Amino acid sequence: MQKPLVNKVVLVAGATRAAGRGIAVQLGAAGATVYVTGRTTRSERSEMNRPETIEETAALVDEAGGRGIAVQVDHLVPDEVRALVTRIKGEHDRLHVLVNNIWGATKMEWNKSVWESDLDYGLQTLRLAVDTHAITSHFAIPLLIEEPGGLVVEVTDGTAEYNAANYRVSFFYDLAKASNIRMAYALAHELQPFGATAVSFTPGWLRSEQMLDNYGVTESNWYDATMRSPHFAISESPAFVGRAVAALAQDPNVSRWNGQSLSSGHLAKIYGFTDLDGSQPDAWRYLTEVQDAGKPADVTGYR
């Protein structure tokens, strides 16, 4: 079986669960060595208090055909990130792909203005979504640009077009997700002279572990959740998200996307990969044309 990323070294920052886990596993399926980081291990949980661990993610990378290396890192602590990159350099002397996927928020304050929001929690949301990405890029990118062809993926929620036209959940959430998109744009400018590429990337409606738990379903019977939320029919698995990033990492012409805002649904049409059920859900087009337009749930032509 062909392993196009067999000689590639990847850091998926924030790979304990959800999109990060899906991305790490699919990069492993393509043969990559994947450092998976997060705060939750078999012996210690973050304040998110979820059961998924970085060791589980690393084992799934191994099972997929790659090599998973779990490293507990709090990406708000510069010394821990510096030590991580020093370890990667010492063990492999190179880094080909950086996926900035750290999030870590523990709750959502829906439709709250800046003055109605919990200020401490709002500022912590920004630290988790923005500071962590900046700190990780600061330490990891010097290793990534030691040879041309590197790729940085800033994972966010929403395309640049959709987020510019829509209020996203709350003041702090909106600002956090827009910041990730702008980060990719700025990094694209800074990386181009070194032959490296930066993009922002968004999943659609992701069937994360927490989302499935909220609906009381599993990946095997996820469609049952459409009884409660009909538009959930457009949702996608973490594997679909991972296949999108793996496709980018394998593209010898990935620089064509430098600075752009990309989505899993859009990339599926470009690269030809599918979700686990063989479909290609195009969530952001669906949200605009069906859900936000107030039409009944109907994914015909959207997956």
Protein backbone atom coordinates (compact mmCIF):
# COMPACT_ATOMS: atom_id res chain seq x y z
CA MET A 1 0.00 0.00 0.00
CA GLN A 2 1.43 3.38 -1.03
CA LYS A 3 2.50 5.65 1.82
CA PRO A 4 3.21 9.05 0.24
CA LEU A 5 4.11 10.71 3.56
CA VAL A 6 6.36 7.96 4.87
CA ASN A 7 9.37 10.26 5.20
CA LYS A 8 7.47 13.24 6.56
CA VAL A 9 7.44 14.56 10.12
CA VAL A 10 4.30 16.30 11.32
CA LEU A 11 3.25 18.14 14.45
CA VAL A 12 -0.49 18.18 15.15
CA ALA A 13 -0.81 20.61 18.03
CA GLY A 14 -4.07 19.83 19.79
CA ALA A 15 -4.62 16.24 18.71
CA THR A 16 -6.37 14.73 21.71
CA ARG A 17 -9.76 14.43 20.04
CA ALA A 18 -12.10 15.69 17.31
CA ALA A 19 -10.52 17.37 14.27
CA GLY A 20 -7.01 17.09 15.66
CA ARG A 21 -7.32 13.38 16.17
CA GLY A 22 -8.86 12.87 12.74
CA ILE A 23 -6.07 14.85 11.10
CA ALA A 24 -3.34 12.98 12.97
CA VAL A 25 -4.79 9.57 12.08
CA GLN A 26 -5.17 10.33 8.40
CA LEU A 27 -1.66 11.74 8.17
CA GLY A 28 -0.55 8.50 9.80
CA ALA A 29 -2.53 6.51 7.25
CA ALA A 30 -0.42 8.24 4.60
CA GLY A 31 2.72 7.07 6.41
CA ALA A 32 3.78 10.16 8.35
CA THR A 33 5.48 10.32 11.71
CA VAL A 34 3.05 12.40 13.76
CA TYR A 35 3.75 14.15 17.04
CA VAL A 36 0.38 14.50 18.77
CA THR A 37 0.11 16.98 21.59
CA GLY A 38 -2.47 17.95 24.15
CA ARG A 39 -2.99 18.24 27.88
CA THR A 40 -5.03 15.12 28.60
CA THR A 41 -3.11 11.89 29.18
CA ARG A 42 -3.97 8.57 30.74
CA SER A 43 -3.03 10.01 34.14
CA GLU A 44 -4.15 13.63 33.87
CA ARG A 45 -7.14 15.49 32.41
CA SER A 46 -7.40 19.09 31.32
CA GLU A 47 -10.24 21.32 32.51
CA MET A 48 -12.26 20.05 29.53
CA ASN A 49 -12.67 16.86 31.56
CA ARG A 50 -13.02 14.60 28.52
CA PRO A 51 -11.88 10.94 28.50
CA GLU A 52 -9.92 11.04 25.21
CA THR A 53 -6.12 11.04 25.59
CA ILE A 54 -3.10 11.82 23.46
CA GLU A 55 -1.86 8.25 23.98
CA GLU A 56 -5.05 6.96 22.35
CA THR A 57 -4.51 9.26 19.41
CA ALA A 58 -0.91 8.10 18.99
CA ALA A 59 -2.04 4.47 19.06
CA LEU A 60 -4.63 5.21 16.36
CA VAL A 61 -1.91 6.79 14.22
CA ASP A 62 0.13 3.58 14.61
CA GLU A 63 -2.87 1.43 13.70
CA ALA A 64 -3.46 3.54 10.60
CA GLY A 65 0.07 2.82 9.36
CA GLY A 66 2.09 5.77 10.59
CA ARG A 67 4.08 6.43 13.73
CA GLY A 68 2.35 8.31 16.52
CA ILE A 69 4.33 10.06 19.25
CA ALA A 70 2.31 11.46 22.15
CA VAL A 71 3.75 14.44 24.01
CA GLN A 72 1.91 16.23 26.80
CA VAL A 73 2.16 19.95 26.09
CA ASP A 74 0.30 23.00 27.31
CA HIS A 75 0.68 25.30 24.32
CA LEU A 76 0.15 28.35 26.52
CA VAL A 77 3.50 27.62 28.19
CA PRO A 78 6.38 28.73 25.95
CA ASP A 79 8.96 26.56 27.69
CA GLU A 80 6.89 23.43 27.04
CA VAL A 81 6.51 24.27 23.36
CA ARG A 82 10.21 25.09 23.05
CA ALA A 83 11.06 21.73 24.61
CA LEU A 84 8.71 19.95 22.20
CA VAL A 85 10.36 21.48 19.14
CA THR A 86 13.81 20.76 20.57
CA ARG A 87 12.76 17.13 20.91
CA ILE A 88 11.47 16.96 17.34
CA LYS A 89 14.71 18.44 16.04
CA GLY A 90 16.78 16.06 18.14
CA GLU A 91 14.83 12.98 17.04
CA HIS A 92 14.23 13.84 13.38
CA ASP A 93 16.10 17.09 12.59
CA ARG A 94 13.18 18.34 10.50
CA LEU A 95 9.51 19.26 10.47
CA HIS A 96 7.44 19.19 7.30
CA VAL A 97 3.91 20.02 8.47
CA LEU A 98 2.58 22.02 11.41
CA VAL A 99 -1.15 21.78 12.17
CA ASN A 100 -2.23 24.43 14.66
CA ASN A 101 -5.45 22.93 15.99
CA ILE A 102 -5.39 23.98 19.65
CA TRP A 103 -8.76 25.10 20.99
CA GLY A 104 -9.59 23.88 24.48
CA ALA A 105 -12.66 25.98 25.27
CA THR A 106 -14.92 24.34 27.83
CA LYS A 107 -18.24 26.05 27.09
CA MET A 108 -20.02 28.18 24.50
CA GLU A 109 -21.68 31.45 25.43
CA TRP A 110 -24.23 31.75 22.64
CA ASN A 111 -25.30 35.17 21.33
CA LYS A 112 -23.64 37.14 24.11
CA SER A 113 -22.27 40.62 23.56
CA VAL A 114 -18.87 41.60 24.94
CA TRP A 115 -20.54 43.30 27.93
CA GLU A 116 -22.77 40.32 28.69
CA SER A 117 -20.02 37.73 28.41
CA ASP A 118 -18.02 36.27 31.26
CA LEU A 119 -14.91 38.42 30.81
CA ASP A 120 -12.46 35.99 32.39
CA TYR A 121 -13.75 33.13 30.28
CA GLY A 122 -13.82 35.25 27.14
CA LEU A 123 -10.22 36.33 27.55
CA GLN A 124 -9.19 32.75 28.30
CA THR A 125 -10.95 31.68 25.09
CA LEU A 126 -8.76 34.10 23.15
CA ARG A 127 -5.65 32.83 24.90
CA LEU A 128 -6.54 29.22 24.07
CA ALA A 129 -7.45 29.93 20.45
CA VAL A 130 -4.96 32.66 19.54
CA ASP A 131 -2.01 32.77 21.94
CA THR A 132 -1.45 29.02 21.69
CA HIS A 133 -1.22 29.18 17.91
CA ALA A 134 1.17 32.14 18.00
CA ILE A 135 3.42 30.51 20.59
CA THR A 136 3.53 27.24 18.66
CA SER A 137 4.31 28.96 15.37
CA HIS A 138 7.05 31.03 17.03
CA PHE A 139 8.96 27.94 18.08
CA ALA A 140 8.05 25.41 15.38
CA ILE A 141 8.34 27.41 12.17
CA PRO A 142 12.12 27.96 12.35
CA LEU A 143 12.52 24.17 12.11
CA LEU A 144 9.86 23.88 9.42
CA ILE A 145 11.58 26.40 7.11
CA GLU A 146 15.00 24.78 7.30
CA GLU A 147 14.09 23.13 4.01
CA PRO A 148 11.55 24.31 1.40
CA GLY A 149 8.12 22.78 0.98
CA GLY A 150 6.81 23.12 4.53
CA LEU A 151 3.10 23.49 5.28
CA VAL A 152 1.31 25.26 8.14
CA VAL A 153 -2.41 24.60 8.63
CA GLU A 154 -4.35 26.96 10.87
CA VAL A 155 -7.52 25.11 11.87
CA THR A 156 -10.52 27.34 12.56
CA ASP A 157 -14.32 27.31 12.33
CA GLY A 158 -15.74 28.90 9.21
CA THR A 159 -14.37 30.09 5.90
CA ALA A 160 -13.13 33.64 5.51
CA GLU A 161 -16.15 34.43 3.33
CA TYR A 162 -18.71 32.94 5.72
CA ASN A 163 -17.21 34.48 8.86
CA ALA A 164 -16.95 37.92 7.25
CA ALA A 165 -20.67 37.83 6.47
CA ASN A 166 -21.98 36.25 9.67
CA TYR A 167 -21.88 36.81 13.43
CA ARG A 168 -20.34 33.68 14.91
CA VAL A 169 -21.84 32.64 18.26
CA SER A 170 -20.49 35.46 20.47
CA PHE A 171 -18.04 38.37 20.54
CA PHE A 172 -15.14 36.26 21.81
CA TYR A 173 -15.81 33.21 19.64
CA ASP A 174 -16.20 35.38 16.56
CA LEU A 175 -12.93 37.15 17.27
CA ALA A 176 -11.06 33.91 17.99
CA LYS A 177 -12.06 32.19 14.77
CA ALA A 178 -11.46 35.26 12.62
CA SER A 179 -8.00 35.57 14.19
CA ASN A 180 -7.01 32.06 13.08
CA ILE A 181 -7.90 32.92 9.50
CA ARG A 182 -5.88 36.13 9.63
CA MET A 183 -2.95 34.25 11.18
CA ALA A 184 -2.76 32.02 8.12
CA TYR A 185 -2.81 35.06 5.85
CA ALA A 186 0.02 36.72 7.78
CA LEU A 187 2.05 33.50 7.92
CA ALA A 188 1.62 33.04 4.18
CA HIS A 189 3.31 36.39 3.63
CA GLU A 190 6.16 35.53 6.00
CA LEU A 191 6.69 31.97 4.77
CA GLN A 192 6.64 32.55 1.03
CA PRO A 193 10.32 33.60 0.77
CA PHE A 194 11.26 30.26 2.37
CA GLY A 195 9.23 28.14 -0.05
CA ALA A 196 6.65 27.26 2.61
CA THR A 197 2.86 27.54 2.59
CA ALA A 198 0.27 28.56 5.17
CA VAL A 199 -3.50 28.09 4.90
CA SER A 200 -6.50 28.39 7.14
CA PHE A 201 -8.72 25.35 7.14
CA THR A 202 -12.18 24.65 8.49
CA PRO A 203 -14.18 21.46 8.96
CA GLY A 204 -17.90 21.62 8.38
CA TRP A 205 -20.36 20.47 11.05
CA LEU A 206 -18.00 18.08 12.77
CA ARG A 207 -19.10 14.87 14.46
CA SER A 208 -16.63 15.26 17.30
CA GLU A 209 -16.80 13.01 20.34
CA GLN A 210 -18.43 15.80 22.34
CA MET A 211 -20.96 16.55 19.61
CA LEU A 212 -21.96 12.89 19.40
CA ASP A 213 -22.27 12.76 23.19
CA ASN A 214 -24.46 15.86 23.16
CA TYR A 215 -26.85 14.11 20.79
CA GLY A 216 -26.65 10.76 22.57
CA VAL A 217 -25.38 8.93 19.48
CA THR A 218 -22.17 7.32 18.24
CA GLU A 219 -20.41 7.46 14.89
CA SER A 220 -22.16 4.24 13.88
CA ASN A 221 -25.68 5.65 14.38
CA TRP A 222 -25.04 9.38 14.07
CA TYR A 223 -27.89 9.89 11.62
CA ASP A 224 -30.36 9.28 14.44
CA ALA A 225 -29.46 12.77 15.69
CA THR A 226 -31.24 14.28 12.70
CA MET A 227 -34.51 13.51 14.49
CA ARG A 228 -33.55 16.30 16.92
CA SER A 229 -31.58 18.47 14.52
CA PRO A 230 -32.47 17.80 10.87
CA HIS A 231 -29.61 19.86 9.45
CA PHE A 232 -27.16 17.53 11.21
CA ALA A 233 -27.55 15.45 8.05
CA ILE A 234 -24.76 17.56 6.50
CA SER A 235 -22.31 16.68 9.29
CA GLU A 236 -18.95 15.05 8.63
CA SER A 237 -16.63 12.69 10.47
CA PRO A 238 -13.17 13.61 11.79
CA ALA A 239 -11.79 11.23 9.16
CA PHE A 240 -13.14 13.49 6.40
CA VAL A 241 -11.36 16.45 7.98
CA GLY A 242 -8.17 14.42 8.28
CA ARG A 243 -8.31 13.33 4.67
CA ALA A 244 -8.49 16.97 3.62
CA VAL A 245 -5.31 17.88 5.48
CA ALA A 246 -3.56 14.69 4.32
CA ALA A 247 -4.41 15.64 0.73
CA LEU A 248 -2.86 19.07 1.23
CA ALA A 249 0.26 17.54 2.76
CA GLN A 250 0.68 15.26 -0.27
CA ASP A 251 0.12 17.94 -2.90
CA PRO A 252 3.41 18.90 -4.61
CA ASN A 253 1.70 22.12 -5.73
CA VAL A 254 0.28 23.02 -2.31
CA SER A 255 1.79 26.52 -2.62
CA ARG A 256 -1.14 27.42 -4.92
CA TRP A 257 -3.25 27.66 -1.76
CA ASN A 258 -0.86 29.98 0.11
CA GLY A 259 -2.81 32.40 2.31
CA GLN A 260 -6.19 31.04 1.33
CA SER A 261 -9.15 29.95 3.43
CA LEU A 262 -10.05 26.33 2.70
CA SER A 263 -12.75 23.91 3.80
CA SER A 264 -13.03 20.13 3.88
CA GLY A 265 -15.99 20.18 1.48
CA HIS A 266 -14.19 22.33 -1.07
CA LEU A 267 -10.98 20.27 -0.92
CA ALA A 268 -12.93 17.02 -1.35
CA LYS A 269 -14.03 18.21 -4.77
CA ILE A 270 -10.47 19.20 -5.70
CA TYR A 271 -8.68 16.09 -4.43
CA GLY A 272 -11.43 13.49 -4.75
CA PHE A 273 -11.45 12.05 -1.21
CA THR A 274 -14.68 11.10 0.55
CA ASP A 275 -16.11 10.74 4.02
CA LEU A 276 -16.50 7.31 5.63
CA ASP A 277 -19.85 6.79 3.88
CA GLY A 278 -18.44 7.64 0.45
CA SER A 279 -20.05 11.09 0.34
CA GLN A 280 -18.50 14.56 0.05
CA PRO A 281 -20.41 16.84 2.46
CA ASP A 282 -20.14 20.51 1.51
CA ALA A 283 -21.25 22.04 4.79
CA TRP A 284 -20.47 25.71 4.25
CA ARG A 285 -22.35 25.93 0.98
CA TYR A 286 -25.23 24.03 2.61
CA LEU A 287 -25.31 26.37 5.62
CA THR A 288 -25.54 29.40 3.38
CA GLU A 289 -27.99 28.06 0.82
CA VAL A 290 -30.21 25.84 2.98
CA GLN A 291 -29.93 26.23 6.77
CA ASP A 292 -29.33 29.98 6.99
CA ALA A 293 -31.85 30.54 4.19
CA GLY A 294 -34.53 28.93 6.37
CA LYS A 295 -35.18 26.03 4.04
CA PRO A 296 -36.09 22.49 5.21
CA ALA A 297 -33.17 20.14 5.74
CA ASP A 298 -32.27 18.48 2.46
CA VAL A 299 -28.69 17.49 1.68
CA THR A 300 -29.43 16.52 -1.91
CA GLY A 301 -26.63 17.97 -4.00
CA TYR A 302 -24.58 18.85 -0.91
CA ARG A 303 -23.03 15.50 0.01
